[in-house]
Amino acid sequence: FIVFTFNGYYRLLIPTILFTIWQLVFFVLSPKPLYGII
């Protein structure tokens, strides 16, 4: 949603940061609810 709604370089920067963290949570950390909530 951020890619569609944010403007300027933030359309790239913020989703890239977010999905990098998202991948670390998804692939590296254990599937615990606390990590998902954070």
All heavy atoms as atom14 arrays in JSON, in Angstrom:
{
  "sequence": "FIVFTFNGYYRLLIPTILFTIWQLVFFVLSPKPLYGII",
  "atom14_mask": [
    [1, 1, 1, 1, 1, 1, 1, 1, 1, 1, 1, 0, 0, 0],
    [1, 1, 1, 1, 1, 1, 1, 1, 0, 0, 0, 0, 0, 0],
    [1, 1, 1, 1, 1, 1, 1, 0, 0, 0, 0, 0, 0, 0],
    [1, 1, 1, 1, 1, 1, 1, 1, 1, 1, 1, 0, 0, 0],
    [1, 1, 1, 1, 1, 1, 1, 0, 0, 0, 0, 0, 0, 0],
    [1, 1, 1, 1, 1, 1, 1, 1, 1, 1, 1, 0, 0, 0],
    [1, 1, 1, 1, 1, 1, 1, 1, 0, 0, 0, 0, 0, 0],
    [1, 1, 1, 1, 0, 0, 0, 0, 0, 0, 0, 0, 0, 0],
    [1, 1, 1, 1, 1, 1, 1, 1, 1, 1, 1, 1, 0, 0],
    [1, 1, 1, 1, 1, 1, 1, 1, 1, 1, 1, 1, 0, 0],
    [1, 1, 1, 1, 1, 1, 1, 1, 1, 1, 1, 0, 0, 0],
    [1, 1, 1, 1, 1, 1, 1, 1, 0, 0, 0, 0, 0, 0],
    [1, 1, 1, 1, 1, 1, 1, 1, 0, 0, 0, 0, 0, 0],
    [1, 1, 1, 1, 1, 1, 1, 1, 0, 0, 0, 0, 0, 0],
    [1, 1, 1, 1, 1, 1, 1, 0, 0, 0, 0, 0, 0, 0],
    [1, 1, 1, 1, 1, 1, 1, 0, 0, 0, 0, 0, 0, 0],
    [1, 1, 1, 1, 1, 1, 1, 1, 0, 0, 0, 0, 0, 0],
    [1, 1, 1, 1, 1, 1, 1, 1, 0, 0, 0, 0, 0, 0],
    [1, 1, 1, 1, 1, 1, 1, 1, 1, 1, 1, 0, 0, 0],
    [1, 1, 1, 1, 1, 1, 1, 0, 0, 0, 0, 0, 0, 0],
    [1, 1, 1, 1, 1, 1, 1, 1, 0, 0, 0, 0, 0, 0],
    [1, 1, 1, 1, 1, 1, 1, 1, 1, 1, 1, 1, 1, 1],
    [1, 1, 1, 1, 1, 1, 1, 1, 1, 0, 0, 0, 0, 0],
    [1, 1, 1, 1, 1, 1, 1, 1, 0, 0, 0, 0, 0, 0],
    [1, 1, 1, 1, 1, 1, 1, 0, 0, 0, 0, 0, 0, 0],
    [1, 1, 1, 1, 1, 1, 1, 1, 1, 1, 1, 0, 0, 0],
    [1, 1, 1, 1, 1, 1, 1, 1, 1, 1, 1, 0, 0, 0],
    [1, 1, 1, 1, 1, 1, 1, 0, 0, 0, 0, 0, 0, 0],
    [1, 1, 1, 1, 1, 1, 1, 1, 0, 0, 0, 0, 0, 0],
    [1, 1, 1, 1, 1, 1, 0, 0, 0, 0, 0, 0, 0, 0],
    [1, 1, 1, 1, 1, 1, 1, 0, 0, 0, 0, 0, 0, 0],
    [1, 1, 1, 1, 1, 1, 1, 1, 1, 0, 0, 0, 0, 0],
    [1, 1, 1, 1, 1, 1, 1, 0, 0, 0, 0, 0, 0, 0],
    [1, 1, 1, 1, 1, 1, 1, 1, 0, 0, 0, 0, 0, 0],
    [1, 1, 1, 1, 1, 1, 1, 1, 1, 1, 1, 1, 0, 0],
    [1, 1, 1, 1, 0, 0, 0, 0, 0, 0, 0, 0, 0, 0],
    [1, 1, 1, 1, 1, 1, 1, 1, 0, 0, 0, 0, 0, 0],
    [1, 1, 1, 1, 1, 1, 1, 1, 0, 0, 0, 0, 0, 0]
  ],
  "atom14_positions": [
    [[0.84, -1.21, 0.0], [0.0, 0.0, 0.0], [0.87, 1.26, 0.0], [0.55, 2.25, -0.67], [-0.92, -0.03, 1.23], [-1.68, 1.24, 1.46], [-2.8, 1.53, 0.71], [-1.27, 2.14, 2.43], [-3.52, 2.71, 0.91], [-1.98, 3.31, 2.64], [-3.09, 3.6, 1.89], [0.0, 0.0, 0.0], [0.0, 0.0, 0.0], [0.0, 0.0, 0.0]],
    [[1.97, 1.22, 0.72], [2.88, 2.37, 0.79], [3.44, 2.71, -0.59], [3.57, 3.89, -0.95], [4.02, 2.09, 1.79], [3.47, 2.11, 3.23], [5.15, 3.1, 1.64], [4.48, 1.69, 4.28], [0.0, 0.0, 0.0], [0.0, 0.0, 0.0], [0.0, 0.0, 0.0], [0.0, 0.0, 0.0], [0.0, 0.0, 0.0], [0.0, 0.0, 0.0]],
    [[3.76, 1.67, -1.37], [4.29, 1.9, -2.71], [3.28, 2.69, -3.55], [3.66, 3.56, -4.36], [4.64, 0.57, -3.4], [5.14, 0.82, -4.82], [5.7, -0.19, -2.61], [0.0, 0.0, 0.0], [0.0, 0.0, 0.0], [0.0, 0.0, 0.0], [0.0, 0.0, 0.0], [0.0, 0.0, 0.0], [0.0, 0.0, 0.0], [0.0, 0.0, 0.0]],
    [[2.01, 2.4, -3.37], [0.96, 3.07, -4.16], [0.64, 4.47, -3.67], [0.18, 5.31, -4.45], [-0.32, 2.23, -4.15], [-0.31, 1.06, -5.08], [0.16, -0.17, -4.67], [-0.75, 1.2, -6.39], [0.17, -1.26, -5.54], [-0.73, 0.13, -7.27], [-0.27, -1.1, -6.85], [0.0, 0.0, 0.0], [0.0, 0.0, 0.0], [0.0, 0.0, 0.0]],
    [[0.85, 4.74, -2.38], [0.34, 5.99, -1.81], [1.41, 7.02, -1.47], [1.13, 8.22, -1.47], [-0.48, 5.71, -0.54], [0.34, 4.99, 0.4], [-1.71, 4.9, -0.88], [0.0, 0.0, 0.0], [0.0, 0.0, 0.0], [0.0, 0.0, 0.0], [0.0, 0.0, 0.0], [0.0, 0.0, 0.0], [0.0, 0.0, 0.0], [0.0, 0.0, 0.0]],
    [[2.64, 6.57, -1.16], [3.68, 7.53, -0.81], [4.21, 8.2, -2.08], [4.09, 7.66, -3.18], [4.82, 6.85, -0.07], [4.51, 6.58, 1.38], [3.21, 6.54, 1.85], [5.53, 6.33, 2.28], [2.92, 6.28, 3.17], [5.26, 6.06, 3.61], [3.95, 6.03, 4.05], [0.0, 0.0, 0.0], [0.0, 0.0, 0.0], [0.0, 0.0, 0.0]],
    [[4.81, 9.35, -1.92], [5.32, 10.11, -3.05], [6.84, 10.25, -2.99], [7.46, 10.08, -1.94], [4.69, 11.51, -3.09], [3.2, 11.46, -3.35], [2.74, 10.73, -4.22], [2.44, 12.22, -2.57], [0.0, 0.0, 0.0], [0.0, 0.0, 0.0], [0.0, 0.0, 0.0], [0.0, 0.0, 0.0], [0.0, 0.0, 0.0], [0.0, 0.0, 0.0]],
    [[7.41, 10.57, -4.13], [8.84, 10.84, -4.18], [9.69, 9.62, -3.91], [9.27, 8.48, -4.06], [0.0, 0.0, 0.0], [0.0, 0.0, 0.0], [0.0, 0.0, 0.0], [0.0, 0.0, 0.0], [0.0, 0.0, 0.0], [0.0, 0.0, 0.0], [0.0, 0.0, 0.0], [0.0, 0.0, 0.0], [0.0, 0.0, 0.0], [0.0, 0.0, 0.0]],
    [[10.91, 9.88, -3.45], [11.84, 8.78, -3.16], [11.36, 7.9, -2.01], [11.8, 6.77, -1.87], [13.22, 9.34, -2.85], [13.88, 10.01, -4.03], [14.22, 11.36, -3.98], [14.15, 9.29, -5.19], [14.82, 11.98, -5.07], [14.75, 9.9, -6.28], [15.08, 11.25, -6.22], [15.67, 11.85, -7.3], [0.0, 0.0, 0.0], [0.0, 0.0, 0.0]],
    [[10.48, 8.45, -1.18], [9.96, 7.66, -0.06], [9.16, 6.46, -0.54], [8.97, 5.49, 0.19], [9.11, 8.55, 0.84], [9.88, 9.7, 1.44], [9.46, 11.0, 1.24], [11.04, 9.47, 2.17], [10.18, 12.07, 1.77], [11.76, 10.52, 2.71], [11.33, 11.82, 2.5], [12.06, 12.87, 3.02], [0.0, 0.0, 0.0], [0.0, 0.0, 0.0]],
    [[8.64, 6.54, -1.76], [7.91, 5.4, -2.34], [8.85, 4.19, -2.49], [8.4, 3.05, -2.45], [7.33, 5.82, -3.69], [6.65, 4.69, -4.44], [6.08, 5.18, -5.75], [4.93, 6.03, -5.54], [4.52, 6.95, -6.39], [5.19, 7.19, -7.49], [3.43, 7.67, -6.13], [0.0, 0.0, 0.0], [0.0, 0.0, 0.0], [0.0, 0.0, 0.0]],
    [[10.13, 4.47, -2.69], [11.12, 3.39, -2.78], [11.79, 3.13, -1.44], [11.95, 1.97, -1.03], [12.2, 3.76, -3.81], [11.8, 3.84, -5.28], [12.98, 4.28, -6.11], [11.29, 2.5, -5.76], [0.0, 0.0, 0.0], [0.0, 0.0, 0.0], [0.0, 0.0, 0.0], [0.0, 0.0, 0.0], [0.0, 0.0, 0.0], [0.0, 0.0, 0.0]],
    [[12.19, 4.2, -0.75], [13.0, 4.07, 0.45], [12.28, 3.35, 1.59], [12.78, 2.37, 2.15], [13.46, 5.45, 0.91], [14.31, 5.48, 2.18], [15.61, 4.72, 1.97], [14.58, 6.93, 2.6], [0.0, 0.0, 0.0], [0.0, 0.0, 0.0], [0.0, 0.0, 0.0], [0.0, 0.0, 0.0], [0.0, 0.0, 0.0], [0.0, 0.0, 0.0]],
    [[11.08, 3.82, 1.92], [10.38, 3.27, 3.08], [9.94, 1.82, 2.85], [10.16, 0.97, 3.71], [9.19, 4.18, 3.47], [9.74, 5.53, 3.96], [8.35, 3.52, 4.56], [8.69, 6.53, 4.37], [0.0, 0.0, 0.0], [0.0, 0.0, 0.0], [0.0, 0.0, 0.0], [0.0, 0.0, 0.0], [0.0, 0.0, 0.0], [0.0, 0.0, 0.0]],
    [[9.34, 1.47, 1.7], [9.01, 0.05, 1.48], [10.24, -0.85, 1.44], [10.19, -1.99, 1.9], [8.29, 0.07, 0.12], [7.74, 1.42, 0.0], [8.76, 2.32, 0.64], [0.0, 0.0, 0.0], [0.0, 0.0, 0.0], [0.0, 0.0, 0.0], [0.0, 0.0, 0.0], [0.0, 0.0, 0.0], [0.0, 0.0, 0.0], [0.0, 0.0, 0.0]],
    [[11.37, -0.35, 0.91], [12.58, -1.17, 0.89], [13.06, -1.47, 2.31], [13.42, -2.61, 2.63], [13.7, -0.45, 0.1], [13.27, -0.28, -1.25], [14.97, -1.27, 0.11], [0.0, 0.0, 0.0], [0.0, 0.0, 0.0], [0.0, 0.0, 0.0], [0.0, 0.0, 0.0], [0.0, 0.0, 0.0], [0.0, 0.0, 0.0], [0.0, 0.0, 0.0]],
    [[13.06, -0.45, 3.16], [13.42, -0.65, 4.58], [12.44, -1.62, 5.24], [12.84, -2.56, 5.93], [13.43, 0.7, 5.33], [14.56, 1.59, 4.79], [13.6, 0.48, 6.82], [14.53, 3.0, 5.35], [0.0, 0.0, 0.0], [0.0, 0.0, 0.0], [0.0, 0.0, 0.0], [0.0, 0.0, 0.0], [0.0, 0.0, 0.0], [0.0, 0.0, 0.0]],
    [[11.15, -1.37, 5.0], [10.11, -2.2, 5.62], [10.24, -3.66, 5.21], [10.24, -4.56, 6.06], [8.73, -1.67, 5.24], [7.54, -2.59, 5.59], [7.46, -2.81, 7.09], [6.25, -2.02, 5.04], [0.0, 0.0, 0.0], [0.0, 0.0, 0.0], [0.0, 0.0, 0.0], [0.0, 0.0, 0.0], [0.0, 0.0, 0.0], [0.0, 0.0, 0.0]],
    [[10.36, -3.91, 3.89], [10.38, -5.3, 3.44], [11.69, -6.0, 3.78], [11.72, -7.23, 3.9], [10.11, -5.37, 1.93], [8.66, -5.28, 1.58], [8.16, -4.2, 0.87], [7.77, -6.26, 2.0], [6.81, -4.11, 0.55], [6.42, -6.19, 1.69], [5.94, -5.1, 0.98], [0.0, 0.0, 0.0], [0.0, 0.0, 0.0], [0.0, 0.0, 0.0]],
    [[12.78, -5.24, 3.96], [14.02, -5.85, 4.44], [13.84, -6.37, 5.86], [14.22, -7.51, 6.18], [15.18, -4.84, 4.39], [15.38, -4.42, 3.04], [16.46, -5.47, 4.91], [0.0, 0.0, 0.0], [0.0, 0.0, 0.0], [0.0, 0.0, 0.0], [0.0, 0.0, 0.0], [0.0, 0.0, 0.0], [0.0, 0.0, 0.0], [0.0, 0.0, 0.0]],
    [[13.23, -5.55, 6.71], [12.92, -5.99, 8.08], [11.9, -7.12, 8.06], [12.0, -8.09, 8.81], [12.41, -4.79, 8.91], [13.49, -3.71, 8.99], [11.99, -5.24, 10.31], [13.01, -2.42, 9.62], [0.0, 0.0, 0.0], [0.0, 0.0, 0.0], [0.0, 0.0, 0.0], [0.0, 0.0, 0.0], [0.0, 0.0, 0.0], [0.0, 0.0, 0.0]],
    [[10.92, -7.0, 7.17], [9.87, -8.03, 7.03], [10.49, -9.39, 6.71], [10.1, -10.41, 7.29], [8.92, -7.6, 5.92], [7.7, -8.45, 5.72], [6.49, -8.3, 6.34], [7.56, -9.56, 4.84], [5.61, -9.25, 5.89], [6.24, -10.04, 4.97], [8.42, -10.19, 3.95], [5.77, -11.13, 4.25], [7.96, -11.28, 3.23], [6.65, -11.74, 3.38]],
    [[11.45, -9.4, 5.8], [12.1, -10.66, 5.45], [12.89, -11.25, 6.61], [12.91, -12.47, 6.8], [13.03, -10.47, 4.24], [12.29, -10.29, 2.94], [13.19, -10.55, 1.75], [13.39, -11.68, 1.34], [13.74, -9.49, 1.19], [0.0, 0.0, 0.0], [0.0, 0.0, 0.0], [0.0, 0.0, 0.0], [0.0, 0.0, 0.0], [0.0, 0.0, 0.0]],
    [[13.54, -10.39, 7.38], [14.28, -10.88, 8.54], [13.34, -11.53, 9.55], [13.65, -12.58, 10.13], [15.05, -9.72, 9.2], [16.21, -9.14, 8.38], [16.81, -7.94, 9.1], [17.28, -10.19, 8.12], [0.0, 0.0, 0.0], [0.0, 0.0, 0.0], [0.0, 0.0, 0.0], [0.0, 0.0, 0.0], [0.0, 0.0, 0.0], [0.0, 0.0, 0.0]],
    [[12.18, -10.91, 9.77], [11.19, -11.49, 10.68], [10.66, -12.8, 10.12], [10.51, -13.8, 10.83], [10.03, -10.49, 10.92], [8.92, -11.15, 11.74], [10.55, -9.25, 11.64], [0.0, 0.0, 0.0], [0.0, 0.0, 0.0], [0.0, 0.0, 0.0], [0.0, 0.0, 0.0], [0.0, 0.0, 0.0], [0.0, 0.0, 0.0], [0.0, 0.0, 0.0]],
    [[10.38, -12.82, 8.83], [9.75, -13.97, 8.19], [10.7, -15.16, 8.07], [10.33, -16.3, 8.34], [9.25, -13.55, 6.8], [8.33, -14.53, 6.15], [7.23, -15.03, 6.81], [8.57, -14.96, 4.85], [6.37, -15.94, 6.21], [7.71, -15.87, 4.23], [6.61, -16.36, 4.91], [0.0, 0.0, 0.0], [0.0, 0.0, 0.0], [0.0, 0.0, 0.0]],
    [[11.95, -14.89, 7.69], [12.88, -15.98, 7.38], [13.89, -16.3, 8.49], [14.36, -17.43, 8.57], [13.66, -15.67, 6.1], [12.82, -15.69, 4.86], [12.62, -14.54, 4.12], [12.22, -16.87, 4.43], [11.85, -14.56, 2.97], [11.44, -16.89, 3.29], [11.25, -15.74, 2.56], [0.0, 0.0, 0.0], [0.0, 0.0, 0.0], [0.0, 0.0, 0.0]],
    [[14.23, -15.32, 9.3], [15.31, -15.54, 10.27], [14.78, -15.79, 11.68], [15.19, -16.75, 12.34], [16.28, -14.33, 10.28], [17.37, -14.53, 11.33], [16.9, -14.14, 8.9], [0.0, 0.0, 0.0], [0.0, 0.0, 0.0], [0.0, 0.0, 0.0], [0.0, 0.0, 0.0], [0.0, 0.0, 0.0], [0.0, 0.0, 0.0], [0.0, 0.0, 0.0]],
    [[13.86, -14.96, 12.15], [13.35, -15.12, 13.5], [12.35, -16.28, 13.58], [11.78, -16.7, 12.56], [12.67, -13.84, 13.96], [13.56, -12.59, 14.04], [12.75, -11.4, 14.54], [14.78, -12.82, 14.93], [0.0, 0.0, 0.0], [0.0, 0.0, 0.0], [0.0, 0.0, 0.0], [0.0, 0.0, 0.0], [0.0, 0.0, 0.0], [0.0, 0.0, 0.0]],
    [[12.15, -16.78, 14.78], [11.16, -17.84, 14.99], [9.75, -17.27, 14.79], [9.53, -16.08, 15.04], [11.29, -18.42, 16.4], [12.55, -19.04, 16.57], [0.0, 0.0, 0.0], [0.0, 0.0, 0.0], [0.0, 0.0, 0.0], [0.0, 0.0, 0.0], [0.0, 0.0, 0.0], [0.0, 0.0, 0.0], [0.0, 0.0, 0.0], [0.0, 0.0, 0.0]],
    [[8.81, -18.1, 14.33], [7.44, -17.6, 14.08], [6.66, -17.39, 15.38], [5.73, -18.12, 15.69], [6.83, -18.73, 13.23], [7.56, -19.96, 13.66], [8.97, -19.52, 13.95], [0.0, 0.0, 0.0], [0.0, 0.0, 0.0], [0.0, 0.0, 0.0], [0.0, 0.0, 0.0], [0.0, 0.0, 0.0], [0.0, 0.0, 0.0], [0.0, 0.0, 0.0]],
    [[7.05, -16.36, 16.11], [6.39, -16.04, 17.38], [5.5, -14.82, 17.21], [5.88, -13.86, 16.53], [7.44, -15.79, 18.47], [8.26, -17.02, 18.81], [9.25, -16.73, 19.92], [10.05, -17.98, 20.28], [11.03, -17.72, 21.36], [0.0, 0.0, 0.0], [0.0, 0.0, 0.0], [0.0, 0.0, 0.0], [0.0, 0.0, 0.0], [0.0, 0.0, 0.0]],
    [[4.33, -14.81, 17.84], [3.39, -13.69, 17.7], [4.02, -12.34, 18.05], [3.72, -11.34, 17.4], [2.26, -14.04, 18.66], [2.32, -15.53, 18.79], [3.77, -15.89, 18.67], [0.0, 0.0, 0.0], [0.0, 0.0, 0.0], [0.0, 0.0, 0.0], [0.0, 0.0, 0.0], [0.0, 0.0, 0.0], [0.0, 0.0, 0.0], [0.0, 0.0, 0.0]],
    [[4.89, -12.31, 19.07], [5.48, -11.06, 19.51], [6.23, -10.38, 18.37], [6.12, -9.15, 18.18], [6.44, -11.31, 20.68], [7.21, -10.09, 21.18], [6.23, -9.03, 21.7], [8.2, -10.49, 22.27], [0.0, 0.0, 0.0], [0.0, 0.0, 0.0], [0.0, 0.0, 0.0], [0.0, 0.0, 0.0], [0.0, 0.0, 0.0], [0.0, 0.0, 0.0]],
    [[6.99, -11.16, 17.58], [7.75, -10.58, 16.48], [6.81, -10.0, 15.42], [7.09, -8.95, 14.84], [8.67, -11.62, 15.86], [9.68, -12.21, 16.82], [10.05, -13.55, 16.75], [10.27, -11.42, 17.8], [10.98, -14.08, 17.64], [11.19, -11.95, 18.69], [11.55, -13.28, 18.6], [12.46, -13.8, 19.47], [0.0, 0.0, 0.0], [0.0, 0.0, 0.0]],
    [[5.72, -10.69, 15.16], [4.76, -10.2, 14.19], [4.09, -8.92, 14.65], [3.9, -7.98, 13.87], [0.0, 0.0, 0.0], [0.0, 0.0, 0.0], [0.0, 0.0, 0.0], [0.0, 0.0, 0.0], [0.0, 0.0, 0.0], [0.0, 0.0, 0.0], [0.0, 0.0, 0.0], [0.0, 0.0, 0.0], [0.0, 0.0, 0.0], [0.0, 0.0, 0.0]],
    [[3.74, -8.86, 15.94], [3.1, -7.66, 16.49], [4.06, -6.47, 16.43], [3.66, -5.35, 16.07], [2.64, -7.93, 17.94], [1.5, -8.96, 17.94], [2.2, -6.64, 18.61], [1.12, -9.45, 19.32], [0.0, 0.0, 0.0], [0.0, 0.0, 0.0], [0.0, 0.0, 0.0], [0.0, 0.0, 0.0], [0.0, 0.0, 0.0], [0.0, 0.0, 0.0]],
    [[5.33, -6.7, 16.77], [6.33, -5.64, 16.7], [6.46, -5.14, 15.26], [6.61, -3.93, 15.01], [7.68, -6.13, 17.24], [7.59, -6.37, 18.75], [8.79, -5.12, 16.93], [8.84, -6.97, 19.36], [0.0, 0.0, 0.0], [0.0, 0.0, 0.0], [0.0, 0.0, 0.0], [0.0, 0.0, 0.0], [0.0, 0.0, 0.0], [0.0, 0.0, 0.0]]
  ]
}
